[in-house]
C-alpha atoms as a PDB file:
ATOM      1  CA  MET A   1      10.603 -11.520 -36.982  1.00  0.00           C
ATOM      2  CA  VAL A   2      12.898 -11.730 -39.998  1.00  0.00           C
ATOM      3  CA  LEU A   3      10.317 -11.159 -42.716  1.00  0.00           C
ATOM      4  CA  HIS A   4       6.779  -9.835 -42.458  1.00  0.00           C
ATOM      5  CA  ALA A   5       4.357  -9.374 -45.365  1.00  0.00           C
ATOM      6  CA  VAL A   6       1.584  -6.758 -45.377  1.00  0.00           C
ATOM      7  CA  ASP A   7      -1.518  -7.084 -47.526  1.00  0.00           C
ATOM      8  CA  GLY A   8      -5.237  -6.404 -47.634  1.00  0.00           C
ATOM      9  CA  THR A   9      -8.324  -8.187 -48.910  1.00  0.00           C
ATOM     10  CA  LYS A  10     -11.822  -6.864 -49.585  1.00  0.00           C
ATOM     11  CA  ILE A  11     -14.721  -8.587 -47.805  1.00  0.00           C
ATOM     12  CA  ALA A  12     -18.340  -7.843 -48.716  1.00  0.00           C
ATOM     13  CA  ALA A  13     -20.509  -5.922 -46.257  1.00  0.00           C
ATOM     14  CA  ASP A  14     -23.698  -7.394 -44.813  1.00  0.00           C
ATOM     15  CA  VAL A  15     -25.987  -5.282 -47.019  1.00  0.00           C
ATOM     16  CA  SER A  16     -27.974  -5.541 -50.230  1.00  0.00           C
ATOM     17  CA  LYS A  17     -26.510  -3.585 -53.137  1.00  0.00           C
ATOM     18  CA  GLY A  18     -30.008  -2.934 -54.481  1.00  0.00           C
ATOM     19  CA  ARG A  19     -30.878  -0.675 -51.544  1.00  0.00           C
ATOM     20  CA  ALA A  20     -27.845   1.587 -51.942  1.00  0.00           C
ATOM     21  CA  TRP A  21     -27.873   5.308 -52.685  1.00  0.00           C
ATOM     22  CA  HIS A  22     -26.023   6.497 -55.784  1.00  0.00           C
ATOM     23  CA  ARG A  23     -25.594  10.248 -56.214  1.00  0.00           C
ATOM     24  CA  GLU A  24     -26.207  10.279 -59.969  1.00  0.00           C
ATOM     25  CA  ASP A  25     -29.468   8.339 -59.585  1.00  0.00           C
ATOM     26  CA  LEU A  26     -30.643  10.509 -56.688  1.00  0.00           C
ATOM     27  CA  GLU A  27     -29.914  13.717 -58.627  1.00  0.00           C
ATOM     28  CA  LYS A  28     -32.010  12.466 -61.567  1.00  0.00           C
ATOM     29  CA  LEU A  29     -34.815  11.454 -59.208  1.00  0.00           C
ATOM     30  CA  LEU A  30     -34.721  14.865 -57.533  1.00  0.00           C
ATOM     31  CA  GLU A  31     -35.096  16.584 -60.921  1.00  0.00           C
ATOM     32  CA  ARG A  32     -38.216  14.530 -61.686  1.00  0.00           C
ATOM     33  CA  LEU A  33     -39.678  15.206 -58.255  1.00  0.00           C
ATOM     34  CA  ASP A  34     -39.024  18.939 -58.656  1.00  0.00           C
ATOM     35  CA  GLU A  35     -40.857  18.899 -61.996  1.00  0.00           C
ATOM     36  CA  VAL A  36     -43.891  17.106 -60.510  1.00  0.00           C
ATOM     37  CA  LEU A  37     -44.112  19.484 -57.557  1.00  0.00           C
ATOM     38  CA  ASP A  38     -43.564  22.568 -59.729  1.00  0.00           C
ATOM     39  CA  GLU A  39     -46.565  21.526 -61.837  1.00  0.00           C
ATOM     40  CA  ALA A  40     -48.634  20.990 -58.685  1.00  0.00           C
ATOM     41  CA  GLU A  41     -47.684  24.435 -57.367  1.00  0.00           C
ATOM     42  CA  LEU A  42     -48.702  25.938 -60.707  1.00  0.00           C
ATOM     43  CA  ASP A  43     -52.137  24.308 -60.309  1.00  0.00           C
ATOM     44  CA  VAL A  44     -52.469  25.905 -56.872  1.00  0.00           C
ATOM     45  CA  GLU A  45     -51.778  29.337 -58.327  1.00  0.00           C
ATOM     46  CA  LEU A  46     -54.353  28.804 -61.084  1.00  0.00           C
ATOM     47  CA  PHE A  47     -56.989  27.845 -58.531  1.00  0.00           C
ATOM     48  CA  ARG A  48     -56.247  30.966 -56.521  1.00  0.00           C
ATOM     49  CA  GLU A  49     -56.378  33.263 -59.572  1.00  0.00           C
ATOM     50  CA  HIS A  50     -59.812  31.993 -60.540  1.00  0.00           C
ATOM     51  CA  GLU A  51     -61.081  31.988 -56.939  1.00  0.00           C
ATOM     52  CA  LEU A  52     -61.952  28.324 -57.078  1.00  0.00           C
ATOM     53  CA  GLY A  53     -61.626  27.867 -53.354  1.00  0.00           C
ATOM     54  CA  GLU A  54     -59.026  26.271 -51.110  1.00  0.00           C
ATOM     55  CA  TYR A  55     -56.691  23.846 -52.809  1.00  0.00           C
ATOM     56  CA  ARG A  56     -54.383  21.371 -51.099  1.00  0.00           C
ATOM     57  CA  LEU A  57     -51.944  18.931 -52.585  1.00  0.00           C
ATOM     58  CA  PRO A  58     -53.447  15.453 -52.965  1.00  0.00           C
ATOM     59  CA  ASP A  59     -52.066  12.768 -50.658  1.00  0.00           C
ATOM     60  CA  GLU A  60     -49.921  11.197 -53.376  1.00  0.00           C
ATOM     61  CA  LEU A  61     -48.200  14.547 -54.047  1.00  0.00           C
ATOM     62  CA  GLN A  62     -47.682  15.118 -50.350  1.00  0.00           C
ATOM     63  CA  ASP A  63     -45.810  11.803 -50.375  1.00  0.00           C
ATOM     64  CA  VAL A  64     -43.753  13.154 -53.268  1.00  0.00           C
ATOM     65  CA  GLU A  65     -42.849  16.183 -51.136  1.00  0.00           C
ATOM     66  CA  LYS A  66     -41.698  13.891 -48.324  1.00  0.00           C
ATOM     67  CA  LEU A  67     -39.694  11.835 -50.810  1.00  0.00           C
ATOM     68  CA  ARG A  68     -38.046  14.969 -52.193  1.00  0.00           C
ATOM     69  CA  GLU A  69     -36.956  16.031 -48.707  1.00  0.00           C
ATOM     70  CA  ALA A  70     -35.573  12.541 -48.071  1.00  0.00           C
ATOM     71  CA  VAL A  71     -33.625  12.617 -51.331  1.00  0.00           C
ATOM     72  CA  ARG A  72     -32.227  16.065 -50.523  1.00  0.00           C
ATOM     73  CA  GLY A  73     -31.148  14.802 -47.111  1.00  0.00           C
ATOM     74  CA  ALA A  74     -29.408  11.793 -48.649  1.00  0.00           C
ATOM     75  CA  LEU A  75     -27.587  13.966 -51.198  1.00  0.00           C
ATOM     76  CA  LYS A  76     -26.466  16.363 -48.466  1.00  0.00           C
ATOM     77  CA  GLU A  77     -25.124  13.469 -46.411  1.00  0.00           C
ATOM     78  CA  MET A  78     -23.206  12.122 -49.403  1.00  0.00           C
ATOM     79  CA  GLU A  79     -21.774  15.552 -50.205  1.00  0.00           C
ATOM     80  CA  GLU A  80     -20.596  16.093 -46.619  1.00  0.00           C
ATOM     81  CA  GLY A  81     -18.890  12.704 -46.649  1.00  0.00           C
ATOM     82  CA  GLY A  82     -17.369  13.211 -50.097  1.00  0.00           C
ATOM     83  CA  ARG A  83     -19.090  10.070 -51.391  1.00  0.00           C
ATOM     84  CA  VAL A  84     -20.873   9.176 -54.627  1.00  0.00           C
ATOM     85  CA  HIS A  85     -22.254   5.916 -53.172  1.00  0.00           C
ATOM     86  CA  LEU A  86     -23.741   5.387 -49.725  1.00  0.00           C
ATOM     87  CA  HIS A  87     -25.662   2.549 -48.123  1.00  0.00           C
ATOM     88  CA  PRO A  88     -28.382   3.626 -45.667  1.00  0.00           C
ATOM     89  CA  VAL A  89     -28.111   0.369 -43.681  1.00  0.00           C
ATOM     90  CA  ASP A  90     -24.308   0.393 -43.234  1.00  0.00           C
ATOM     91  CA  LYS A  91     -23.102   3.926 -43.919  1.00  0.00           C
ATOM     92  CA  GLN A  92     -19.468   3.153 -43.042  1.00  0.00           C
ATOM     93  CA  SER A  93     -19.126   0.521 -45.784  1.00  0.00           C
ATOM     94  CA  ARG A  94     -17.757   1.631 -49.160  1.00  0.00           C
ATOM     95  CA  MET A  95     -18.092   0.534 -52.784  1.00  0.00           C
ATOM     96  CA  MET A  96     -15.009  -1.574 -53.599  1.00  0.00           C
ATOM     97  CA  GLN A  97     -13.798  -4.083 -56.143  1.00  0.00           C
ATOM     98  CA  CYS A  98     -14.378  -7.382 -54.355  1.00  0.00           C
ATOM     99  CA  GLU A  99     -13.786 -10.717 -56.111  1.00  0.00           C
ATOM    100  CA  GLY A 100     -14.427  -9.211 -59.526  1.00  0.00           C
ATOM    101  CA  LYS A 101     -17.538  -7.253 -58.538  1.00  0.00           C
ATOM    102  CA  LYS A 102     -18.253  -3.717 -57.324  1.00  0.00           C
ATOM    103  CA  VAL A 103     -19.988  -4.159 -53.979  1.00  0.00           C
ATOM    104  CA  PHE A 104     -20.198  -2.478 -50.607  1.00  0.00           C
ATOM    105  CA  ALA A 105     -17.324  -3.871 -48.575  1.00  0.00           C
ATOM    106  CA  TYR A 106     -14.570  -3.275 -46.040  1.00  0.00           C
ATOM    107  CA  ASN A 107     -10.805  -3.545 -46.539  1.00  0.00           C
ATOM    108  CA  ALA A 108      -9.336  -6.158 -44.156  1.00  0.00           C
ATOM    109  CA  GLN A 109      -5.609  -5.777 -43.448  1.00  0.00           C
ATOM    110  CA  ALA A 110      -3.131  -8.333 -42.114  1.00  0.00           C
ATOM    111  CA  VAL A 111       0.591  -8.657 -41.394  1.00  0.00           C
ATOM    112  CA  VAL A 112       1.902 -12.233 -41.589  1.00  0.00           C
ATOM    113  CA  ASP A 113       5.192 -13.613 -40.281  1.00  0.00           C
ATOM    114  CA  GLY A 114       7.227 -15.292 -43.005  1.00  0.00           C
ATOM    115  CA  ASP A 115       8.590 -18.092 -40.791  1.00  0.00           C
ATOM    116  CA  SER A 116       5.598 -19.162 -38.689  1.00  0.00           C
ATOM    117  CA  GLY A 117       2.822 -18.069 -41.046  1.00  0.00           C
ATOM    118  CA  LEU A 118       0.977 -16.470 -38.116  1.00  0.00           C
ATOM    119  CA  VAL A 119      -0.993 -13.230 -38.349  1.00  0.00           C
ATOM    120  CA  VAL A 120       0.927 -10.821 -36.119  1.00  0.00           C
ATOM    121  CA  ALA A 121      -1.347  -7.812 -36.649  1.00  0.00           C
ATOM    122  CA  GLN A 122      -4.720  -7.146 -38.233  1.00  0.00           C
ATOM    123  CA  ASP A 123      -7.117  -4.261 -38.803  1.00  0.00           C
ATOM    124  CA  VAL A 124     -10.044  -3.205 -40.972  1.00  0.00           C
ATOM    125  CA  VAL A 125     -10.448   0.109 -42.778  1.00  0.00           C
ATOM    126  CA  ASN A 126     -13.045   1.480 -45.160  1.00  0.00           C
ATOM    127  CA  ASP A 127     -10.479   3.017 -47.512  1.00  0.00           C
ATOM    128  CA  GLU A 128     -10.832   1.533 -50.981  1.00  0.00           C
ATOM    129  CA  ALA A 129      -7.044   1.570 -51.534  1.00  0.00           C
ATOM    130  CA  ASP A 130      -4.110   0.278 -49.469  1.00  0.00           C
ATOM    131  CA  ASN A 131      -1.682   3.124 -50.163  1.00  0.00           C
ATOM    132  CA  HIS A 132      -2.122   4.769 -46.733  1.00  0.00           C
ATOM    133  CA  GLN A 133      -2.066   1.592 -44.622  1.00  0.00           C
ATOM    134  CA  LEU A 134       1.617   0.559 -44.576  1.00  0.00           C
ATOM    135  CA  THR A 135       2.970   2.389 -41.534  1.00  0.00           C
ATOM    136  CA  ALA A 136      -0.311   2.046 -39.624  1.00  0.00           C
ATOM    137  CA  MET A 137      -0.067  -1.749 -39.907  1.00  0.00           C
ATOM    138  CA  LEU A 138       3.606  -1.759 -38.906  1.00  0.00           C
ATOM    139  CA  ASP A 139       2.727   0.468 -35.931  1.00  0.00           C
ATOM    140  CA  GLU A 140       0.187  -2.194 -34.983  1.00  0.00           C
ATOM    141  CA  VAL A 141       2.887  -4.894 -35.174  1.00  0.00           C
ATOM    142  CA  ASN A 142       5.157  -2.769 -32.996  1.00  0.00           C
ATOM    143  CA  GLU A 143       2.417  -2.380 -30.405  1.00  0.00           C
ATOM    144  CA  VAL A 144       1.391  -6.053 -30.385  1.00  0.00           C
ATOM    145  CA  VAL A 145       4.802  -7.757 -30.660  1.00  0.00           C
ATOM    146  CA  GLY A 146       7.094  -5.041 -29.305  1.00  0.00           C
ATOM    147  CA  GLU A 147       9.144  -4.599 -32.487  1.00  0.00           C
ATOM    148  CA  VAL A 148       8.855  -4.885 -36.258  1.00  0.00           C
ATOM    149  CA  ALA A 149      10.557  -7.423 -38.495  1.00  0.00           C
ATOM    150  CA  GLN A 150      13.967  -6.926 -40.032  1.00  0.00           C
ATOM    151  CA  CYS A 151      12.284  -6.623 -43.429  1.00  0.00           C
ATOM    152  CA  ASN A 152       8.647  -5.776 -44.232  1.00  0.00           C
ATOM    153  CA  VAL A 153       7.346  -6.358 -47.753  1.00  0.00           C
ATOM    154  CA  ALA A 154       4.181  -5.187 -49.512  1.00  0.00           C
ATOM    155  CA  ASP A 155       2.731  -5.158 -53.013  1.00  0.00           C
ATOM    156  CA  GLY A 156       2.209  -2.198 -55.341  1.00  0.00           C
ATOM    157  CA  GLY A 157      -1.004  -1.135 -53.626  1.00  0.00           C
ATOM    158  CA  TYR A 158       1.137   0.236 -50.796  1.00  0.00           C
ATOM    159  CA  ALA A 159       3.448   2.241 -53.081  1.00  0.00           C
ATOM    160  CA  SER A 160       3.116   5.725 -51.623  1.00  0.00           C
ATOM    161  CA  GLY A 161       5.979   8.177 -51.288  1.00  0.00           C
ATOM    162  CA  GLU A 162       4.344   9.644 -48.189  1.00  0.00           C
ATOM    163  CA  GLU A 163       4.118   6.221 -46.509  1.00  0.00           C
ATOM    164  CA  LEU A 164       7.685   5.322 -47.480  1.00  0.00           C
ATOM    165  CA  ALA A 165       8.935   8.562 -45.941  1.00  0.00           C
ATOM    166  CA  ARG A 166       6.906   7.915 -42.780  1.00  0.00           C
ATOM    167  CA  ALA A 167       8.337   4.386 -42.524  1.00  0.00           C
ATOM    168  CA  GLU A 168      11.861   5.819 -42.780  1.00  0.00           C
ATOM    169  CA  GLU A 169      11.097   8.264 -39.972  1.00  0.00           C
ATOM    170  CA  ARG A 170       9.984   5.388 -37.757  1.00  0.00           C
ATOM    171  CA  GLY A 171      13.022   3.278 -38.665  1.00  0.00           C
ATOM    172  CA  TYR A 172      10.965   0.557 -40.377  1.00  0.00           C
ATOM    173  CA  GLU A 173      12.769  -1.420 -43.071  1.00  0.00           C
ATOM    174  CA  VAL A 174      10.276  -1.777 -45.932  1.00  0.00           C
ATOM    175  CA  VAL A 175      10.438  -3.094 -49.486  1.00  0.00           C
ATOM    176  CA  VAL A 176       7.404  -2.165 -51.566  1.00  0.00           C
ATOM    177  CA  ASN A 177       6.779  -3.156 -55.168  1.00  0.00           C
ATOM    178  CA  LEU A 178       6.847   0.195 -56.972  1.00  0.00           C
ATOM    179  CA  GLY A 179       5.510  -1.223 -60.230  1.00  0.00           C
ATOM    180  CA  GLU A 180       6.207  -0.231 -63.828  1.00  0.00           C
ATOM    181  CA  THR A 181       4.505   3.174 -63.540  1.00  0.00           C
ATOM    182  CA  ILE A 182       6.984   4.299 -60.878  1.00  0.00           C
ATOM    183  CA  ASN A 183       9.978   2.073 -61.512  1.00  0.00           C
ATOM    184  CA  PRO A 184       9.915   0.824 -65.142  1.00  0.00           C
ATOM    185  CA  ARG A 185      12.492  -1.732 -66.212  1.00  0.00           C
ATOM    186  CA  GLY A 186      11.505  -2.481 -69.793  1.00  0.00           C
ATOM    187  CA  LYS A 187      13.103  -1.253 -72.986  1.00  0.00           C
ATOM    188  CA  GLY A 188      12.198   2.142 -74.403  1.00  0.00           C
ATOM    189  CA  LYS A 189      11.919   3.725 -70.941  1.00  0.00           C
ATOM    190  CA  GLU A 190      15.216   5.601 -70.986  1.00  0.00           C
ATOM    191  CA  PHE A 191      13.415   8.955 -70.637  1.00  0.00           C
ATOM    192  CA  HIS A 192      10.923   7.899 -67.998  1.00  0.00           C
ATOM    193  CA  SER A 193      10.666  10.410 -65.123  1.00  0.00           C
ATOM    194  CA  SER A 194      12.487   7.966 -62.859  1.00  0.00           C
ATOM    195  CA  ARG A 195      15.600   8.366 -65.027  1.00  0.00           C
ATOM    196  CA  PHE A 196      15.786  12.091 -64.168  1.00  0.00           C
ATOM    197  CA  SER A 197      17.799  12.998 -61.055  1.00  0.00           C
ATOM    198  CA  HIS A 198      16.887  15.827 -58.707  1.00  0.00           C
ATOM    199  CA  GLU A 199      19.782  18.054 -57.625  1.00  0.00           C
ATOM    200  CA  ALA A 200      18.284  19.680 -54.513  1.00  0.00           C
ATOM    201  CA  GLU A 201      21.300  21.872 -53.716  1.00  0.00           C
ATOM    202  CA  ARG A 202      21.318  23.388 -57.215  1.00  0.00           C
ATOM    203  CA  ASP A 203      17.515  23.300 -57.403  1.00  0.00           C
ATOM    204  CA  CYS A 204      17.396  21.644 -60.799  1.00  0.00           C
ATOM    205  CA  VAL A 205      16.666  18.307 -62.433  1.00  0.00           C
ATOM    206  CA  VAL A 206      19.187  16.544 -64.673  1.00  0.00           C
ATOM    207  CA  CYS A 207      17.990  14.433 -67.594  1.00  0.00           C
ATOM    208  CA  PRO A 208      19.626  11.156 -68.731  1.00  0.00           C
ATOM    209  CA  ARG A 209      21.676  13.130 -71.293  1.00  0.00           C
ATOM    210  CA  GLY A 210      22.990  15.528 -68.651  1.00  0.00           C
ATOM    211  CA  GLU A 211      20.801  18.506 -69.618  1.00  0.00           C
ATOM    212  CA  GLU A 212      19.491  20.653 -66.755  1.00  0.00           C
ATOM    213  CA  LEU A 213      15.784  21.343 -66.282  1.00  0.00           C
ATOM    214  CA  LYS A 214      15.322  24.687 -64.508  1.00  0.00           C
ATOM    215  CA  PHE A 215      12.825  25.333 -61.724  1.00  0.00           C
ATOM    216  CA  GLU A 216       9.693  26.947 -63.137  1.00  0.00           C
ATOM    217  CA  ARG A 217       6.930  27.075 -60.512  1.00  0.00           C
ATOM    218  CA  VAL A 218       5.122  25.381 -57.631  1.00  0.00           C
ATOM    219  CA  LYS A 219       1.717  23.853 -58.244  1.00  0.00           C
ATOM    220  CA  LEU A 220      -0.834  21.872 -56.264  1.00  0.00           C
ATOM    221  CA  ASP A 221      -1.167  18.205 -57.183  1.00  0.00           C
ATOM    222  CA  ARG A 222      -4.894  17.844 -56.511  1.00  0.00           C
ATOM    223  CA  ARG A 223      -4.897  14.067 -56.829  1.00  0.00           C
ATOM    224  CA  ARG A 224      -2.232  13.636 -54.149  1.00  0.00           C
ATOM    225  CA  GLY A 225      -3.176  16.683 -52.098  1.00  0.00           C
ATOM    226  CA  TYR A 226       0.245  18.326 -51.826  1.00  0.00           C
ATOM    227  CA  GLU A 227       2.408  20.840 -53.692  1.00  0.00           C
ATOM    228  CA  VAL A 228       5.056  19.812 -56.221  1.00  0.00           C
ATOM    229  CA  ARG A 229       7.934  21.733 -57.785  1.00  0.00           C
ATOM    230  CA  VAL A 230       7.859  21.873 -61.599  1.00  0.00           C
ATOM    231  CA  TYR A 231      11.089  21.856 -63.625  1.00  0.00           C
ATOM    232  CA  ARG A 232      11.198  22.501 -67.384  1.00  0.00           C
ATOM    233  CA  CYS A 233      13.741  21.827 -70.121  1.00  0.00           C
ATOM    234  CA  HIS A 234      14.505  24.956 -72.200  1.00  0.00           C
ATOM    235  CA  ASN A 235      16.848  23.184 -74.603  1.00  0.00           C
ATOM    236  CA  SER A 236      14.328  20.843 -76.218  1.00  0.00           C
ATOM    237  CA  ARG A 237      14.528  22.388 -79.714  1.00  0.00           C
ATOM    238  CA  GLN A 238      18.223  21.584 -79.980  1.00  0.00           C
ATOM    239  CA  CYS A 239      17.940  18.166 -78.328  1.00  0.00           C
ATOM    240  CA  PRO A 240      18.243  15.247 -80.803  1.00  0.00           C
ATOM    241  CA  MET A 241      16.129  13.069 -78.461  1.00  0.00           C
ATOM    242  CA  ARG A 242      13.227  15.495 -78.015  1.00  0.00           C
ATOM    243  CA  THR A 243      10.717  13.339 -79.920  1.00  0.00           C
ATOM    244  CA  ARG A 244      11.531  10.353 -77.734  1.00  0.00           C
ATOM    245  CA  CYS A 245      11.489  12.406 -74.544  1.00  0.00           C
ATOM    246  CA  SER A 246       8.369  14.596 -74.804  1.00  0.00           C
ATOM    247  CA  ARG A 247       5.705  15.897 -77.174  1.00  0.00           C
ATOM    248  CA  ASP A 248       5.387  19.154 -75.281  1.00  0.00           C
ATOM    249  CA  LYS A 249       6.485  21.938 -77.631  1.00  0.00           C
ATOM    250  CA  ARG A 250       7.545  24.063 -74.681  1.00  0.00           C
ATOM    251  CA  GLY A 251       9.909  21.364 -73.389  1.00  0.00           C
ATOM    252  CA  ARG A 252       9.771  18.405 -71.036  1.00  0.00           C
ATOM    253  CA  THR A 253       8.620  19.009 -67.474  1.00  0.00           C
ATOM    254  CA  ILE A 254       9.363  16.964 -64.346  1.00  0.00           C
ATOM    255  CA  GLU A 255       7.430  17.310 -61.100  1.00  0.00           C
ATOM    256  CA  ILE A 256       9.245  16.759 -57.805  1.00  0.00           C
ATOM    257  CA  GLY A 257       7.094  16.170 -54.745  1.00  0.00           C
ATOM    258  CA  PRO A 258       8.034  16.317 -51.064  1.00  0.00           C
ATOM    259  CA  TYR A 259       8.474  12.521 -50.924  1.00  0.00           C
ATOM    260  CA  HIS A 260      10.615  12.185 -54.037  1.00  0.00           C
ATOM    261  CA  GLY A 261      13.694  11.295 -51.980  1.00  0.00           C
ATOM    262  CA  ALA A 262      11.925   8.389 -50.252  1.00  0.00           C
ATOM    263  CA  LEU A 263      10.874   6.972 -53.631  1.00  0.00           C
ATOM    264  CA  MET A 264      14.419   7.282 -54.973  1.00  0.00           C
ATOM    265  CA  ARG A 265      15.852   5.491 -51.937  1.00  0.00           C
ATOM    266  CA  GLN A 266      13.271   2.729 -52.360  1.00  0.00           C
ATOM    267  CA  ARG A 267      14.317   2.287 -56.016  1.00  0.00           C
ATOM    268  CA  LEU A 268      17.947   1.952 -54.940  1.00  0.00           C
ATOM    269  CA  LYS A 269      16.968  -0.509 -52.229  1.00  0.00           C
ATOM    270  CA  GLN A 270      15.322  -2.768 -54.803  1.00  0.00           C
ATOM    271  CA  GLN A 271      18.539  -3.035 -56.770  1.00  0.00           C
ATOM    272  CA  ASP A 272      19.760  -5.296 -53.956  1.00  0.00           C
ATOM    273  CA  GLU A 273      19.189  -8.958 -54.822  1.00  0.00           C
ATOM    274  CA  GLY A 274      18.340  -9.857 -51.230  1.00  0.00           C
ATOM    275  CA  ASN A 275      15.559  -7.268 -51.128  1.00  0.00           C
ATOM    276  CA  ARG A 276      14.182  -8.498 -54.440  1.00  0.00           C
ATOM    277  CA  LYS A 277      14.098 -12.064 -53.113  1.00  0.00           C
ATOM    278  CA  ALA A 278      12.323 -10.874 -49.967  1.00  0.00           C
ATOM    279  CA  LEU A 279       9.729  -9.078 -52.072  1.00  0.00           C
ATOM    280  CA  ALA A 280       9.188 -12.231 -54.131  1.00  0.00           C
ATOM    281  CA  LYS A 281       8.284 -14.133 -50.935  1.00  0.00           C
ATOM    282  CA  ARG A 282       5.310 -11.848 -50.272  1.00  0.00           C
ATOM    283  CA  LYS A 283       2.819 -13.929 -52.256  1.00  0.00           C
ATOM    284  CA  THR A 284       3.680 -17.181 -50.495  1.00  0.00           C
ATOM    285  CA  THR A 285       3.590 -15.491 -47.079  1.00  0.00           C
ATOM    286  CA  VAL A 286       0.381 -13.473 -46.823  1.00  0.00           C
ATOM    287  CA  GLU A 287      -1.862 -14.513 -49.708  1.00  0.00           C
ATOM    288  CA  PRO A 288      -2.290 -18.135 -48.494  1.00  0.00           C
ATOM    289  CA  VAL A 289      -3.742 -16.734 -45.255  1.00  0.00           C
ATOM    290  CA  PHE A 290      -6.499 -14.917 -47.151  1.00  0.00           C
ATOM    291  CA  GLY A 291      -7.031 -17.981 -49.330  1.00  0.00           C
ATOM    292  CA  ILE A 292      -7.582 -20.239 -46.313  1.00  0.00           C
ATOM    293  CA  ILE A 293      -9.859 -17.769 -44.524  1.00  0.00           C
ATOM    294  CA  LYS A 294     -12.004 -16.951 -47.546  1.00  0.00           C
ATOM    295  CA  HIS A 295     -11.971 -20.092 -49.675  1.00  0.00           C
ATOM    296  CA  LEU A 296     -11.412 -22.962 -47.240  1.00  0.00           C
ATOM    297  CA  ARG A 297     -13.144 -21.462 -44.186  1.00  0.00           C
ATOM    298  CA  GLY A 298     -15.806 -19.749 -46.309  1.00  0.00           C
ATOM    299  CA  PHE A 299     -15.523 -16.301 -44.700  1.00  0.00           C
ATOM    300  CA  ARG A 300     -16.471 -14.090 -47.654  1.00  0.00           C
ATOM    301  CA  ARG A 301     -18.989 -11.745 -46.027  1.00  0.00           C
ATOM    302  CA  TRP A 302     -19.199  -9.880 -42.739  1.00  0.00           C
ATOM    303  CA  THR A 303     -22.084 -10.876 -40.480  1.00  0.00           C
ATOM    304  CA  VAL A 304     -21.998  -7.587 -38.549  1.00  0.00           C
ATOM    305  CA  ARG A 305     -22.267  -3.953 -39.622  1.00  0.00           C
ATOM    306  CA  GLY A 306     -20.280  -0.811 -38.895  1.00  0.00           C
ATOM    307  CA  LEU A 307     -16.513  -0.327 -38.819  1.00  0.00           C
ATOM    308  CA  GLU A 308     -16.067  -1.216 -35.143  1.00  0.00           C
ATOM    309  CA  GLY A 309     -18.127  -4.368 -35.597  1.00  0.00           C
ATOM    310  CA  VAL A 310     -16.124  -5.670 -38.554  1.00  0.00           C
ATOM    311  CA  LYS A 311     -12.845  -4.804 -36.795  1.00  0.00           C
ATOM    312  CA  THR A 312     -13.876  -7.041 -33.902  1.00  0.00           C
ATOM    313  CA  GLN A 313     -15.008  -9.829 -36.205  1.00  0.00           C
ATOM    314  CA  TRP A 314     -11.771  -9.738 -38.231  1.00  0.00           C
ATOM    315  CA  SER A 315      -9.772  -9.918 -34.999  1.00  0.00           C
ATOM    316  CA  LEU A 316     -11.711 -13.055 -34.022  1.00  0.00           C
ATOM    317  CA  VAL A 317     -11.262 -14.584 -37.498  1.00  0.00           C
ATOM    318  CA  CYS A 318      -7.489 -14.007 -37.435  1.00  0.00           C
ATOM    319  CA  THR A 319      -7.241 -15.341 -33.871  1.00  0.00           C
ATOM    320  CA  ALA A 320      -9.091 -18.505 -34.910  1.00  0.00           C
ATOM    321  CA  TYR A 321      -6.729 -18.855 -37.888  1.00  0.00           C
ATOM    322  CA  ASN A 322      -3.690 -18.549 -35.597  1.00  0.00           C
ATOM    323  CA  LEU A 323      -5.037 -21.033 -33.053  1.00  0.00           C
ATOM    324  CA  ASP A 324      -5.730 -23.557 -35.796  1.00  0.00           C
ATOM    325  CA  LYS A 325      -2.204 -23.132 -37.181  1.00  0.00           C
ATOM    326  CA  VAL A 326      -0.580 -23.425 -33.745  1.00  0.00           C
ATOM    327  CA  TYR A 327      -2.649 -26.522 -32.956  1.00  0.00           C
ATOM    328  CA  ARG A 328      -1.668 -28.226 -36.214  1.00  0.00           C
ATOM    329  CA  ARG A 329       1.992 -27.410 -35.548  1.00  0.00           C
ATOM    330  CA  TRP A 330       1.714 -28.788 -32.019  1.00  0.00           C
ATOM    331  CA  VAL A 331       0.040 -31.996 -33.215  1.00  0.00           C
ATOM    332  CA  SER A 332       2.710 -32.549 -35.899  1.00  0.00           C
ATOM    333  CA  GLU A 333       5.548 -32.115 -33.374  1.00  0.00           C
ATOM    334  CA  THR A 334       4.007 -34.099 -30.511  1.00  0.00           C
ATOM    335  CA  THR A 335       5.314 -37.652 -30.220  1.00  0.00           C
ATOM    336  CA  VAL A 336       2.986 -40.281 -28.837  1.00  0.00           C
ATOM    337  CA  PRO A 337       4.768 -42.855 -26.587  1.00  0.00           C
ATOM    338  CA  VAL A 338       4.396 -46.481 -27.618  1.00  0.00           C
END
């Protein structure tokens, strides 16, 4: 309970990629079907105009009509679910990058204890990314074990200001690799947005040279789904560093979101050598578990379908892993009397 590592691995769904629905392909197919049926309807009108008797669509075109309705139904289902890919056999699976390929898969999560190497919590989600899983997995640890570890580490996939703020609210000590895009350390990054400090009381942002960026407006960050406050520099023309800071002729802007403070506190936390060492142990804590399960035990594909089914199977897989590890530990420590 000193150090826990959180991570996820993608495992292929029990479906054939060739039978999947892809919105772009279905839209093109629907256009072709519409053209065929429009021509058939035109023929019906011509027959009626020339009084050539009753006319009905031939059987093959009636099949086209049924196909068109099926395609429309599939597109509607994809639109309602906000998806561009959908598999009719396992509709809860999602297209993910899995072992170098884009396949339908599920995202298996695990929390591993740094001392014993045991899986202390596991779950499966169908989110393609890990950035909303951190606190949910630590909640799972809290429920299963009764408390969380003194330090919980995760890789850059879990770097979310919202999740960091939620972890703080719950009192979870977390160290998450923020990566170069959020926390750059290389040369030539002196004017990266992370170098600008937010002065909440004065409602301004201060640049590395001490210049103030004034509040300009509030806008919706559509990618993240929440509003951010925009601050702009109005002294850029006189600034000797303007070409190194921004190419915007109107002056550099900085966006401050509602979770900016949590990100700043996480940056400060990673200046501590002990936290950096803990973060470095992540790979040797959790990744070997996935390596053993997938490569040595050969579990690379679910044998059941649906989210509840794969959750149950992953729980069994992790339990088997733990039992094997406990047994090996017991055998190594058991002395046989002569």
